Amino acid sequence: MMIIVSLMATSCYYDEMPPEAVIPIPDVVSYSKDIQPLWDQDCVSCHKTGASIPLDLTSANSYNELTANNKYVIPGNAAGSSLHKSLVGDGAAIMPTVGKWSDSKVALVDKWINDGALKN
């Protein structure tokens, strides 16, 4: 009887997932040092040259594809950019598809956009 009670008391233990590390946001966001690594980590497995999914986020093509004709990024206007809307699931499919990014990752991309979406 004591063994059954012990098993029941410990069998429903769940660890909480640790929160994702907060990414510090620099005063000046560098596309090559801060933004492209996010695409490399979470996006280029689907968004790459020759893929059936639009938008090539590989390092050779990502900046031009994101900023051409304000299709995905509107410099100075993160909230109005379709990239931001996809990252937060605001009227668009959430990206990346494996799950919503942490607020700090989204904030880093938003700062880059709001600061003019520079290729630096």
PDB file of N, CA and C in Angstrom:
ATOM      1  N   MET A   1       0.826  -1.186   0.000  1.00  0.00           N
ATOM      2  CA  MET A   1       0.000   0.000   0.000  1.00  0.00           C
ATOM      3  C   MET A   1       0.875   1.258   0.000  1.00  0.00           C
ATOM      4  N   MET A   2       1.880   1.266   0.809  1.00  0.00           N
ATOM      5  CA  MET A   2       2.771   2.414   0.890  1.00  0.00           C
ATOM      6  C   MET A   2       3.488   2.642  -0.440  1.00  0.00           C
ATOM      7  N   ILE A   3       3.834   1.564  -1.128  1.00  0.00           N
ATOM      8  CA  ILE A   3       4.513   1.674  -2.415  1.00  0.00           C
ATOM      9  C   ILE A   3       3.581   2.313  -3.444  1.00  0.00           C
ATOM     10  N   ILE A   4       2.333   1.936  -3.448  1.00  0.00           N
ATOM     11  CA  ILE A   4       1.369   2.493  -4.398  1.00  0.00           C
ATOM     12  C   ILE A   4       1.199   3.989  -4.159  1.00  0.00           C
ATOM     13  N   VAL A   5       1.093   4.402  -2.927  1.00  0.00           N
ATOM     14  CA  VAL A   5       0.953   5.811  -2.597  1.00  0.00           C
ATOM     15  C   VAL A   5       2.201   6.574  -3.037  1.00  0.00           C
ATOM     16  N   SER A   6       3.361   6.010  -2.830  1.00  0.00           N
ATOM     17  CA  SER A   6       4.611   6.656  -3.233  1.00  0.00           C
ATOM     18  C   SER A   6       4.679   6.811  -4.746  1.00  0.00           C
ATOM     19  N   LEU A   7       4.283   5.776  -5.476  1.00  0.00           N
ATOM     20  CA  LEU A   7       4.294   5.842  -6.927  1.00  0.00           C
ATOM     21  C   LEU A   7       3.313   6.888  -7.443  1.00  0.00           C
ATOM     22  N   MET A   8       2.150   6.938  -6.849  1.00  0.00           N
ATOM     23  CA  MET A   8       1.146   7.907  -7.272  1.00  0.00           C
ATOM     24  C   MET A   8       1.604   9.331  -6.979  1.00  0.00           C
ATOM     25  N   ALA A   9       2.261   9.530  -5.895  1.00  0.00           N
ATOM     26  CA  ALA A   9       2.696  10.868  -5.510  1.00  0.00           C
ATOM     27  C   ALA A   9       3.809  11.393  -6.403  1.00  0.00           C
ATOM     28  N   THR A  10       4.624  10.516  -6.935  1.00  0.00           N
ATOM     29  CA  THR A  10       5.753  10.957  -7.746  1.00  0.00           C
ATOM     30  C   THR A  10       5.539  10.762  -9.239  1.00  0.00           C
ATOM     31  N   SER A  11       4.522  10.058  -9.648  1.00  0.00           N
ATOM     32  CA  SER A  11       4.358   9.760 -11.073  1.00  0.00           C
ATOM     33  C   SER A  11       3.773  10.919 -11.867  1.00  0.00           C
ATOM     34  N   CYS A  12       3.218  11.908 -11.232  1.00  0.00           N
ATOM     35  CA  CYS A  12       2.602  13.023 -11.940  1.00  0.00           C
ATOM     36  C   CYS A  12       3.473  14.270 -11.909  1.00  0.00           C
ATOM     37  N   TYR A  13       4.736  14.109 -11.711  1.00  0.00           N
ATOM     38  CA  TYR A  13       5.661  15.227 -11.647  1.00  0.00           C
ATOM     39  C   TYR A  13       5.996  15.695 -13.062  1.00  0.00           C
ATOM     40  N   TYR A  14       5.872  16.982 -13.309  1.00  0.00           N
ATOM     41  CA  TYR A  14       6.199  17.555 -14.608  1.00  0.00           C
ATOM     42  C   TYR A  14       7.199  18.683 -14.411  1.00  0.00           C
ATOM     43  N   ASP A  15       8.241  18.644 -15.191  1.00  0.00           N
ATOM     44  CA  ASP A  15       9.178  19.755 -15.195  1.00  0.00           C
ATOM     45  C   ASP A  15       8.600  20.853 -16.073  1.00  0.00           C
ATOM     46  N   GLU A  16       8.808  22.086 -15.674  1.00  0.00           N
ATOM     47  CA  GLU A  16       8.429  23.186 -16.538  1.00  0.00           C
ATOM     48  C   GLU A  16       9.554  23.408 -17.521  1.00  0.00           C
ATOM     49  N   MET A  17       9.181  23.765 -18.734  1.00  0.00           N
ATOM     50  CA  MET A  17      10.194  24.072 -19.725  1.00  0.00           C
ATOM     51  C   MET A  17      10.861  25.383 -19.330  1.00  0.00           C
ATOM     52  N   PRO A  18      12.175  25.422 -19.382  1.00  0.00           N
ATOM     53  CA  PRO A  18      12.835  26.684 -19.046  1.00  0.00           C
ATOM     54  C   PRO A  18      12.508  27.736 -20.099  1.00  0.00           C
ATOM     55  N   PRO A  19      12.410  28.977 -19.687  1.00  0.00           N
ATOM     56  CA  PRO A  19      12.109  30.013 -20.681  1.00  0.00           C
ATOM     57  C   PRO A  19      13.269  30.154 -21.659  1.00  0.00           C
ATOM     58  N   GLU A  20      12.926  30.541 -22.869  1.00  0.00           N
ATOM     59  CA  GLU A  20      13.956  30.744 -23.887  1.00  0.00           C
ATOM     60  C   GLU A  20      14.818  31.931 -23.471  1.00  0.00           C
ATOM     61  N   ALA A  21      16.094  31.827 -23.739  1.00  0.00           N
ATOM     62  CA  ALA A  21      17.018  32.895 -23.374  1.00  0.00           C
ATOM     63  C   ALA A  21      16.605  34.202 -24.047  1.00  0.00           C
ATOM     64  N   VAL A  22      16.704  35.280 -23.307  1.00  0.00           N
ATOM     65  CA  VAL A  22      16.375  36.592 -23.840  1.00  0.00           C
ATOM     66  C   VAL A  22      17.567  37.082 -24.654  1.00  0.00           C
ATOM     67  N   ILE A  23      17.304  37.500 -25.861  1.00  0.00           N
ATOM     68  CA  ILE A  23      18.347  38.018 -26.737  1.00  0.00           C
ATOM     69  C   ILE A  23      18.494  39.510 -26.453  1.00  0.00           C
ATOM     70  N   PRO A  24      19.694  39.930 -26.065  1.00  0.00           N
ATOM     71  CA  PRO A  24      19.884  41.369 -25.839  1.00  0.00           C
ATOM     72  C   PRO A  24      19.763  42.129 -27.157  1.00  0.00           C
ATOM     73  N   ILE A  25      19.139  43.276 -27.103  1.00  0.00           N
ATOM     74  CA  ILE A  25      18.951  44.069 -28.314  1.00  0.00           C
ATOM     75  C   ILE A  25      19.990  45.189 -28.312  1.00  0.00           C
ATOM     76  N   PRO A  26      20.889  45.161 -29.301  1.00  0.00           N
ATOM     77  CA  PRO A  26      21.922  46.196 -29.357  1.00  0.00           C
ATOM     78  C   PRO A  26      21.349  47.542 -29.786  1.00  0.00           C
ATOM     79  N   ASP A  27      22.112  48.603 -29.538  1.00  0.00           N
ATOM     80  CA  ASP A  27      21.676  49.942 -29.961  1.00  0.00           C
ATOM     81  C   ASP A  27      21.522  50.006 -31.473  1.00  0.00           C
ATOM     82  N   VAL A  28      22.459  49.376 -32.182  1.00  0.00           N
ATOM     83  CA  VAL A  28      22.403  49.313 -33.636  1.00  0.00           C
ATOM     84  C   VAL A  28      22.329  47.841 -34.021  1.00  0.00           C
ATOM     85  N   VAL A  29      21.240  47.454 -34.658  1.00  0.00           N
ATOM     86  CA  VAL A  29      21.056  46.059 -35.063  1.00  0.00           C
ATOM     87  C   VAL A  29      21.750  45.855 -36.403  1.00  0.00           C
ATOM     88  N   SER A  30      22.615  44.866 -36.456  1.00  0.00           N
ATOM     89  CA  SER A  30      23.332  44.529 -37.683  1.00  0.00           C
ATOM     90  C   SER A  30      22.591  43.405 -38.394  1.00  0.00           C
ATOM     91  N   TYR A  31      22.291  43.624 -39.682  1.00  0.00           N
ATOM     92  CA  TYR A  31      21.606  42.577 -40.429  1.00  0.00           C
ATOM     93  C   TYR A  31      22.450  41.309 -40.480  1.00  0.00           C
ATOM     94  N   SER A  32      23.721  41.465 -40.809  1.00  0.00           N
ATOM     95  CA  SER A  32      24.582  40.284 -40.979  1.00  0.00           C
ATOM     96  C   SER A  32      24.916  39.580 -39.661  1.00  0.00           C
ATOM     97  N   LYS A  33      25.055  40.343 -38.571  1.00  0.00           N
ATOM     98  CA  LYS A  33      25.452  39.737 -37.293  1.00  0.00           C
ATOM     99  C   LYS A  33      24.277  39.362 -36.397  1.00  0.00           C
ATOM    100  N   ASP A  34      23.169  40.073 -36.511  1.00  0.00           N
ATOM    101  CA  ASP A  34      22.039  39.842 -35.603  1.00  0.00           C
ATOM    102  C   ASP A  34      20.832  39.181 -36.267  1.00  0.00           C
ATOM    103  N   ILE A  35      20.517  39.566 -37.494  1.00  0.00           N
ATOM    104  CA  ILE A  35      19.289  39.100 -38.146  1.00  0.00           C
ATOM    105  C   ILE A  35      19.513  37.834 -38.968  1.00  0.00           C
ATOM    106  N   GLN A  36      20.512  37.837 -39.834  1.00  0.00           N
ATOM    107  CA  GLN A  36      20.750  36.656 -40.674  1.00  0.00           C
ATOM    108  C   GLN A  36      20.941  35.381 -39.859  1.00  0.00           C
ATOM    109  N   PRO A  37      21.641  35.425 -38.717  1.00  0.00           N
ATOM    110  CA  PRO A  37      21.753  34.195 -37.917  1.00  0.00           C
ATOM    111  C   PRO A  37      20.400  33.627 -37.461  1.00  0.00           C
ATOM    112  N   LEU A  38      19.397  34.483 -37.288  1.00  0.00           N
ATOM    113  CA  LEU A  38      18.063  33.986 -36.937  1.00  0.00           C
ATOM    114  C   LEU A  38      17.483  33.181 -38.091  1.00  0.00           C
ATOM    115  N   TRP A  39      17.629  33.700 -39.311  1.00  0.00           N
ATOM    116  CA  TRP A  39      17.135  32.965 -40.483  1.00  0.00           C
ATOM    117  C   TRP A  39      17.899  31.649 -40.623  1.00  0.00           C
ATOM    118  N   ASP A  40      19.227  31.720 -40.447  1.00  0.00           N
ATOM    119  CA  ASP A  40      20.057  30.517 -40.586  1.00  0.00           C
ATOM    120  C   ASP A  40      19.627  29.435 -39.595  1.00  0.00           C
ATOM    121  N   GLN A  41      19.289  29.849 -38.388  1.00  0.00           N
ATOM    122  CA  GLN A  41      18.922  28.901 -37.333  1.00  0.00           C
ATOM    123  C   GLN A  41      17.542  28.295 -37.538  1.00  0.00           C
ATOM    124  N   ASP A  42      16.576  29.093 -37.920  1.00  0.00           N
ATOM    125  CA  ASP A  42      15.190  28.631 -37.885  1.00  0.00           C
ATOM    126  C   ASP A  42      14.440  28.633 -39.216  1.00  0.00           C
ATOM    127  N   CYS A  43      15.003  29.199 -40.274  1.00  0.00           N
ATOM    128  CA  CYS A  43      14.197  29.437 -41.468  1.00  0.00           C
ATOM    129  C   CYS A  43      14.716  28.813 -42.760  1.00  0.00           C
ATOM    130  N   VAL A  44      16.035  28.753 -42.935  1.00  0.00           N
ATOM    131  CA  VAL A  44      16.561  28.349 -44.239  1.00  0.00           C
ATOM    132  C   VAL A  44      16.349  26.877 -44.571  1.00  0.00           C
ATOM    133  N   SER A  45      15.930  26.090 -43.618  1.00  0.00           N
ATOM    134  CA  SER A  45      15.633  24.701 -43.967  1.00  0.00           C
ATOM    135  C   SER A  45      14.444  24.630 -44.929  1.00  0.00           C
ATOM    136  N   CYS A  46      13.555  25.611 -44.880  1.00  0.00           N
ATOM    137  CA  CYS A  46      12.413  25.674 -45.804  1.00  0.00           C
ATOM    138  C   CYS A  46      12.573  26.800 -46.832  1.00  0.00           C
ATOM    139  N   HIS A  47      13.027  27.962 -46.381  1.00  0.00           N
ATOM    140  CA  HIS A  47      13.150  29.147 -47.235  1.00  0.00           C
ATOM    141  C   HIS A  47      14.556  29.219 -47.816  1.00  0.00           C
ATOM    142  N   LYS A  48      14.756  28.477 -48.903  1.00  0.00           N
ATOM    143  CA  LYS A  48      16.082  28.427 -49.529  1.00  0.00           C
ATOM    144  C   LYS A  48      15.952  28.447 -51.036  1.00  0.00           C
ATOM    145  N   THR A  49      17.073  28.655 -51.691  1.00  0.00           N
ATOM    146  CA  THR A  49      17.115  28.694 -53.148  1.00  0.00           C
ATOM    147  C   THR A  49      16.555  27.401 -53.725  1.00  0.00           C
ATOM    148  N   GLY A  50      15.644  27.530 -54.664  1.00  0.00           N
ATOM    149  CA  GLY A  50      15.077  26.369 -55.337  1.00  0.00           C
ATOM    150  C   GLY A  50      13.934  25.698 -54.602  1.00  0.00           C
ATOM    151  N   ALA A  51      13.587  26.164 -53.424  1.00  0.00           N
ATOM    152  CA  ALA A  51      12.472  25.570 -52.672  1.00  0.00           C
ATOM    153  C   ALA A  51      11.150  26.042 -53.261  1.00  0.00           C
ATOM    154  N   SER A  52      10.110  25.265 -53.040  1.00  0.00           N
ATOM    155  CA  SER A  52       8.792  25.649 -53.549  1.00  0.00           C
ATOM    156  C   SER A  52       8.164  26.764 -52.719  1.00  0.00           C
ATOM    157  N   ILE A  53       8.698  26.998 -51.528  1.00  0.00           N
ATOM    158  CA  ILE A  53       8.192  28.059 -50.653  1.00  0.00           C
ATOM    159  C   ILE A  53       8.821  29.383 -51.088  1.00  0.00           C
ATOM    160  N   PRO A  54       8.013  30.421 -51.257  1.00  0.00           N
ATOM    161  CA  PRO A  54       8.599  31.704 -51.652  1.00  0.00           C
ATOM    162  C   PRO A  54       9.470  32.283 -50.540  1.00  0.00           C
ATOM    163  N   LEU A  55      10.315  33.198 -50.902  1.00  0.00           N
ATOM    164  CA  LEU A  55      11.201  33.917 -49.995  1.00  0.00           C
ATOM    165  C   LEU A  55      12.428  33.089 -49.628  1.00  0.00           C
ATOM    166  N   ASP A  56      13.518  33.397 -50.279  1.00  0.00           N
ATOM    167  CA  ASP A  56      14.800  32.746 -50.038  1.00  0.00           C
ATOM    168  C   ASP A  56      15.519  33.508 -48.930  1.00  0.00           C
ATOM    169  N   LEU A  57      15.686  32.867 -47.776  1.00  0.00           N
ATOM    170  CA  LEU A  57      16.332  33.511 -46.631  1.00  0.00           C
ATOM    171  C   LEU A  57      17.777  33.083 -46.434  1.00  0.00           C
ATOM    172  N   THR A  58      18.386  32.508 -47.470  1.00  0.00           N
ATOM    173  CA  THR A  58      19.806  32.188 -47.373  1.00  0.00           C
ATOM    174  C   THR A  58      20.593  33.495 -47.378  1.00  0.00           C
ATOM    175  N   SER A  59      21.805  33.450 -46.838  1.00  0.00           N
ATOM    176  CA  SER A  59      22.574  34.682 -46.651  1.00  0.00           C
ATOM    177  C   SER A  59      22.832  35.437 -47.957  1.00  0.00           C
ATOM    178  N   ALA A  60      22.944  34.750 -49.060  1.00  0.00           N
ATOM    179  CA  ALA A  60      23.212  35.420 -50.336  1.00  0.00           C
ATOM    180  C   ALA A  60      22.009  36.209 -50.854  1.00  0.00           C
ATOM    181  N   ASN A  61      20.795  35.818 -50.464  1.00  0.00           N
ATOM    182  CA  ASN A  61      19.598  36.395 -51.071  1.00  0.00           C
ATOM    183  C   ASN A  61      18.613  37.055 -50.108  1.00  0.00           C
ATOM    184  N   SER A  62      18.723  36.796 -48.840  1.00  0.00           N
ATOM    185  CA  SER A  62      17.671  37.192 -47.906  1.00  0.00           C
ATOM    186  C   SER A  62      17.389  38.687 -47.876  1.00  0.00           C
ATOM    187  N   TYR A  63      18.413  39.504 -47.760  1.00  0.00           N
ATOM    188  CA  TYR A  63      18.169  40.939 -47.627  1.00  0.00           C
ATOM    189  C   TYR A  63      17.396  41.484 -48.826  1.00  0.00           C
ATOM    190  N   ASN A  64      17.865  41.169 -50.028  1.00  0.00           N
ATOM    191  CA  ASN A  64      17.190  41.683 -51.224  1.00  0.00           C
ATOM    192  C   ASN A  64      15.763  41.173 -51.336  1.00  0.00           C
ATOM    193  N   GLU A  65      15.539  39.919 -50.997  1.00  0.00           N
ATOM    194  CA  GLU A  65      14.180  39.370 -51.087  1.00  0.00           C
ATOM    195  C   GLU A  65      13.248  39.988 -50.047  1.00  0.00           C
ATOM    196  N   LEU A  66      13.761  40.243 -48.861  1.00  0.00           N
ATOM    197  CA  LEU A  66      12.918  40.821 -47.811  1.00  0.00           C
ATOM    198  C   LEU A  66      12.536  42.270 -48.094  1.00  0.00           C
ATOM    199  N   THR A  67      13.462  43.019 -48.685  1.00  0.00           N
ATOM    200  CA  THR A  67      13.243  44.457 -48.813  1.00  0.00           C
ATOM    201  C   THR A  67      12.782  44.909 -50.198  1.00  0.00           C
ATOM    202  N   ALA A  68      12.811  44.037 -51.189  1.00  0.00           N
ATOM    203  CA  ALA A  68      12.403  44.428 -52.547  1.00  0.00           C
ATOM    204  C   ALA A  68      10.932  44.851 -52.573  1.00  0.00           C
ATOM    205  N   ASN A  69      10.689  46.053 -53.047  1.00  0.00           N
ATOM    206  CA  ASN A  69       9.321  46.570 -53.243  1.00  0.00           C
ATOM    207  C   ASN A  69       8.461  46.558 -51.984  1.00  0.00           C
ATOM    208  N   ASN A  70       9.096  46.558 -50.819  1.00  0.00           N
ATOM    209  CA  ASN A  70       8.364  46.548 -49.533  1.00  0.00           C
ATOM    210  C   ASN A  70       7.405  45.373 -49.413  1.00  0.00           C
ATOM    211  N   LYS A  71       7.709  44.280 -50.102  1.00  0.00           N
ATOM    212  CA  LYS A  71       6.803  43.127 -50.083  1.00  0.00           C
ATOM    213  C   LYS A  71       6.732  42.476 -48.702  1.00  0.00           C
ATOM    214  N   TYR A  72       7.864  42.292 -48.051  1.00  0.00           N
ATOM    215  CA  TYR A  72       7.897  41.640 -46.741  1.00  0.00           C
ATOM    216  C   TYR A  72       8.267  42.604 -45.618  1.00  0.00           C
ATOM    217  N   VAL A  73       9.099  43.585 -45.937  1.00  0.00           N
ATOM    218  CA  VAL A  73       9.583  44.536 -44.938  1.00  0.00           C
ATOM    219  C   VAL A  73       9.329  45.951 -45.440  1.00  0.00           C
ATOM    220  N   ILE A  74       8.712  46.758 -44.596  1.00  0.00           N
ATOM    221  CA  ILE A  74       8.526  48.178 -44.866  1.00  0.00           C
ATOM    222  C   ILE A  74       9.476  48.904 -43.912  1.00  0.00           C
ATOM    223  N   PRO A  75      10.617  49.387 -44.409  1.00  0.00           N
ATOM    224  CA  PRO A  75      11.574  50.051 -43.527  1.00  0.00           C
ATOM    225  C   PRO A  75      10.910  51.154 -42.701  1.00  0.00           C
ATOM    226  N   GLY A  76      11.162  51.109 -41.384  1.00  0.00           N
ATOM    227  CA  GLY A  76      10.578  52.089 -40.478  1.00  0.00           C
ATOM    228  C   GLY A  76       9.200  51.715 -39.964  1.00  0.00           C
ATOM    229  N   ASN A  77       8.640  50.606 -40.414  1.00  0.00           N
ATOM    230  CA  ASN A  77       7.277  50.234 -40.029  1.00  0.00           C
ATOM    231  C   ASN A  77       7.160  48.729 -39.800  1.00  0.00           C
ATOM    232  N   ALA A  78       7.673  48.270 -38.673  1.00  0.00           N
ATOM    233  CA  ALA A  78       7.627  46.835 -38.373  1.00  0.00           C
ATOM    234  C   ALA A  78       6.187  46.332 -38.307  1.00  0.00           C
ATOM    235  N   ALA A  79       5.332  47.059 -37.620  1.00  0.00           N
ATOM    236  CA  ALA A  79       3.953  46.601 -37.427  1.00  0.00           C
ATOM    237  C   ALA A  79       3.207  46.438 -38.742  1.00  0.00           C
ATOM    238  N   GLY A  80       3.563  47.214 -39.753  1.00  0.00           N
ATOM    239  CA  GLY A  80       2.914  47.126 -41.047  1.00  0.00           C
ATOM    240  C   GLY A  80       3.569  46.138 -41.999  1.00  0.00           C
ATOM    241  N   SER A  81       4.676  45.558 -41.585  1.00  0.00           N
ATOM    242  CA  SER A  81       5.427  44.635 -42.442  1.00  0.00           C
ATOM    243  C   SER A  81       4.875  43.220 -42.343  1.00  0.00           C
ATOM    244  N   SER A  82       4.749  42.563 -43.494  1.00  0.00           N
ATOM    245  CA  SER A  82       4.230  41.192 -43.481  1.00  0.00           C
ATOM    246  C   SER A  82       5.183  40.243 -42.750  1.00  0.00           C
ATOM    247  N   LEU A  83       6.475  40.549 -42.731  1.00  0.00           N
ATOM    248  CA  LEU A  83       7.422  39.728 -41.969  1.00  0.00           C
ATOM    249  C   LEU A  83       7.044  39.725 -40.491  1.00  0.00           C
ATOM    250  N   HIS A  84       6.813  40.899 -39.927  1.00  0.00           N
ATOM    251  CA  HIS A  84       6.413  40.998 -38.516  1.00  0.00           C
ATOM    252  C   HIS A  84       5.106  40.245 -38.276  1.00  0.00           C
ATOM    253  N   LYS A  85       4.151  40.422 -39.157  1.00  0.00           N
ATOM    254  CA  LYS A  85       2.854  39.770 -38.987  1.00  0.00           C
ATOM    255  C   LYS A  85       2.988  38.251 -39.002  1.00  0.00           C
ATOM    256  N   SER A  86       3.899  37.724 -39.814  1.00  0.00           N
ATOM    257  CA  SER A  86       4.136  36.275 -39.826  1.00  0.00           C
ATOM    258  C   SER A  86       4.823  35.808 -38.547  1.00  0.00           C
ATOM    259  N   LEU A  87       5.725  36.616 -38.018  1.00  0.00           N
ATOM    260  CA  LEU A  87       6.437  36.226 -36.800  1.00  0.00           C
ATOM    261  C   LEU A  87       5.534  36.197 -35.571  1.00  0.00           C
ATOM    262  N   VAL A  88       4.480  37.015 -35.585  1.00  0.00           N
ATOM    263  CA  VAL A  88       3.573  37.054 -34.428  1.00  0.00           C
ATOM    264  C   VAL A  88       2.223  36.406 -34.702  1.00  0.00           C
ATOM    265  N   GLY A  89       1.997  35.961 -35.939  1.00  0.00           N
ATOM    266  CA  GLY A  89       0.723  35.314 -36.278  1.00  0.00           C
ATOM    267  C   GLY A  89      -0.430  36.283 -36.360  1.00  0.00           C
ATOM    268  N   ASP A  90      -0.167  37.494 -36.812  1.00  0.00           N
ATOM    269  CA  ASP A  90      -1.191  38.532 -36.919  1.00  0.00           C
ATOM    270  C   ASP A  90      -1.773  38.549 -38.330  1.00  0.00           C
ATOM    271  N   GLY A  91      -2.793  37.741 -38.562  1.00  0.00           N
ATOM    272  CA  GLY A  91      -3.422  37.680 -39.868  1.00  0.00           C
ATOM    273  C   GLY A  91      -2.616  36.919 -40.901  1.00  0.00           C
ATOM    274  N   ALA A  92      -1.609  36.222 -40.449  1.00  0.00           N
ATOM    275  CA  ALA A  92      -0.754  35.438 -41.337  1.00  0.00           C
ATOM    276  C   ALA A  92      -0.361  34.157 -40.622  1.00  0.00           C
ATOM    277  N   ALA A  93       0.028  33.167 -41.397  1.00  0.00           N
ATOM    278  CA  ALA A  93       0.502  31.918 -40.785  1.00  0.00           C
ATOM    279  C   ALA A  93       1.752  32.221 -39.966  1.00  0.00           C
ATOM    280  N   ILE A  94       1.818  31.660 -38.773  1.00  0.00           N
ATOM    281  CA  ILE A  94       2.959  31.934 -37.903  1.00  0.00           C
ATOM    282  C   ILE A  94       4.214  31.267 -38.449  1.00  0.00           C
ATOM    283  N   MET A  95       5.277  32.021 -38.431  1.00  0.00           N
ATOM    284  CA  MET A  95       6.583  31.530 -38.850  1.00  0.00           C
ATOM    285  C   MET A  95       7.560  31.760 -37.705  1.00  0.00           C
ATOM    286  N   PRO A  96       8.468  30.873 -37.512  1.00  0.00           N
ATOM    287  CA  PRO A  96       8.602  29.602 -38.211  1.00  0.00           C
ATOM    288  C   PRO A  96       7.489  28.633 -37.809  1.00  0.00           C
ATOM    289  N   THR A  97       7.260  27.656 -38.657  1.00  0.00           N
ATOM    290  CA  THR A  97       6.146  26.741 -38.436  1.00  0.00           C
ATOM    291  C   THR A  97       6.345  25.843 -37.222  1.00  0.00           C
ATOM    292  N   VAL A  98       7.571  25.711 -36.741  1.00  0.00           N
ATOM    293  CA  VAL A  98       7.819  24.871 -35.559  1.00  0.00           C
ATOM    294  C   VAL A  98       7.363  25.538 -34.273  1.00  0.00           C
ATOM    295  N   GLY A  99       7.031  26.800 -34.329  1.00  0.00           N
ATOM    296  CA  GLY A  99       6.531  27.473 -33.141  1.00  0.00           C
ATOM    297  C   GLY A  99       6.927  28.934 -33.103  1.00  0.00           C
ATOM    298  N   LYS A 100       6.152  29.675 -32.371  1.00  0.00           N
ATOM    299  CA  LYS A 100       6.355  31.115 -32.265  1.00  0.00           C
ATOM    300  C   LYS A 100       7.705  31.417 -31.628  1.00  0.00           C
ATOM    301  N   TRP A 101       8.371  32.430 -32.167  1.00  0.00           N
ATOM    302  CA  TRP A 101       9.635  32.896 -31.605  1.00  0.00           C
ATOM    303  C   TRP A 101       9.401  33.592 -30.275  1.00  0.00           C
ATOM    304  N   SER A 102      10.454  33.680 -29.496  1.00  0.00           N
ATOM    305  CA  SER A 102      10.397  34.433 -28.240  1.00  0.00           C
ATOM    306  C   SER A 102      10.167  35.912 -28.555  1.00  0.00           C
ATOM    307  N   ASP A 103       9.641  36.611 -27.578  1.00  0.00           N
ATOM    308  CA  ASP A 103       9.400  38.043 -27.749  1.00  0.00           C
ATOM    309  C   ASP A 103      10.692  38.785 -28.060  1.00  0.00           C
ATOM    310  N   SER A 104      11.814  38.330 -27.493  1.00  0.00           N
ATOM    311  CA  SER A 104      13.074  39.043 -27.725  1.00  0.00           C
ATOM    312  C   SER A 104      13.565  38.876 -29.159  1.00  0.00           C
ATOM    313  N   LYS A 105      13.339  37.723 -29.769  1.00  0.00           N
ATOM    314  CA  LYS A 105      13.721  37.543 -31.177  1.00  0.00           C
ATOM    315  C   LYS A 105      12.869  38.444 -32.070  1.00  0.00           C
ATOM    316  N   VAL A 106      11.582  38.463 -31.813  1.00  0.00           N
ATOM    317  CA  VAL A 106      10.685  39.310 -32.600  1.00  0.00           C
ATOM    318  C   VAL A 106      11.063  40.780 -32.402  1.00  0.00           C
ATOM    319  N   ALA A 107      11.362  41.165 -31.173  1.00  0.00           N
ATOM    320  CA  ALA A 107      11.744  42.557 -30.888  1.00  0.00           C
ATOM    321  C   ALA A 107      13.023  42.943 -31.623  1.00  0.00           C
ATOM    322  N   LEU A 108      13.961  42.012 -31.742  1.00  0.00           N
ATOM    323  CA  LEU A 108      15.207  42.279 -32.465  1.00  0.00           C
ATOM    324  C   LEU A 108      14.915  42.541 -33.946  1.00  0.00           C
ATOM    325  N   VAL A 109      14.092  41.706 -34.554  1.00  0.00           N
ATOM    326  CA  VAL A 109      13.725  41.909 -35.963  1.00  0.00           C
ATOM    327  C   VAL A 109      12.942  43.216 -36.107  1.00  0.00           C
ATOM    328  N   ASP A 110      12.028  43.481 -35.194  1.00  0.00           N
ATOM    329  CA  ASP A 110      11.251  44.725 -35.254  1.00  0.00           C
ATOM    330  C   ASP A 110      12.152  45.952 -35.158  1.00  0.00           C
ATOM    331  N   LYS A 111      13.141  45.910 -34.277  1.00  0.00           N
ATOM    332  CA  LYS A 111      14.054  47.050 -34.142  1.00  0.00           C
ATOM    333  C   LYS A 111      14.817  47.258 -35.438  1.00  0.00           C
ATOM    334  N   TRP A 112      15.279  46.167 -36.049  1.00  0.00           N
ATOM    335  CA  TRP A 112      15.979  46.284 -37.323  1.00  0.00           C
ATOM    336  C   TRP A 112      15.076  46.957 -38.367  1.00  0.00           C
ATOM    337  N   ILE A 113      13.827  46.521 -38.448  1.00  0.00           N
ATOM    338  CA  ILE A 113      12.886  47.107 -39.413  1.00  0.00           C
ATOM    339  C   ILE A 113      12.622  48.576 -39.072  1.00  0.00           C
ATOM    340  N   ASN A 114      12.292  48.839 -37.816  1.00  0.00           N
ATOM    341  CA  ASN A 114      11.955  50.213 -37.405  1.00  0.00           C
ATOM    342  C   ASN A 114      13.131  51.180 -37.555  1.00  0.00           C
ATOM    343  N   ASP A 115      14.349  50.664 -37.470  1.00  0.00           N
ATOM    344  CA  ASP A 115      15.549  51.489 -37.640  1.00  0.00           C
ATOM    345  C   ASP A 115      15.906  51.685 -39.111  1.00  0.00           C
ATOM    346  N   GLY A 116      15.062  51.226 -40.010  1.00  0.00           N
ATOM    347  CA  GLY A 116      15.274  51.470 -41.433  1.00  0.00           C
ATOM    348  C   GLY A 116      15.641  50.257 -42.246  1.00  0.00           C
ATOM    349  N   ALA A 117      15.697  49.072 -41.622  1.00  0.00           N
ATOM    350  CA  ALA A 117      16.008  47.810 -42.325  1.00  0.00           C
ATOM    351  C   ALA A 117      17.291  47.926 -43.150  1.00  0.00           C
ATOM    352  N   LEU A 118      18.334  48.370 -42.487  1.00  0.00           N
ATOM    353  CA  LEU A 118      19.619  48.589 -43.163  1.00  0.00           C
ATOM    354  C   LEU A 118      20.340  47.289 -43.451  1.00  0.00           C
ATOM    355  N   LYS A 119      21.108  47.302 -44.532  1.00  0.00           N
ATOM    356  CA  LYS A 119      21.955  46.147 -44.867  1.00  0.00           C
ATOM    357  C   LYS A 119      23.342  46.451 -44.297  1.00  0.00           C
ATOM    358  N   ASN A 120      23.490  46.146 -43.016  1.00  0.00           N
ATOM    359  CA  ASN A 120      24.745  46.449 -42.329  1.00  0.00           C
ATOM    360  C   ASN A 120      25.314  45.237 -41.635  1.00  0.00           C
TER     361      ASN A 120
END
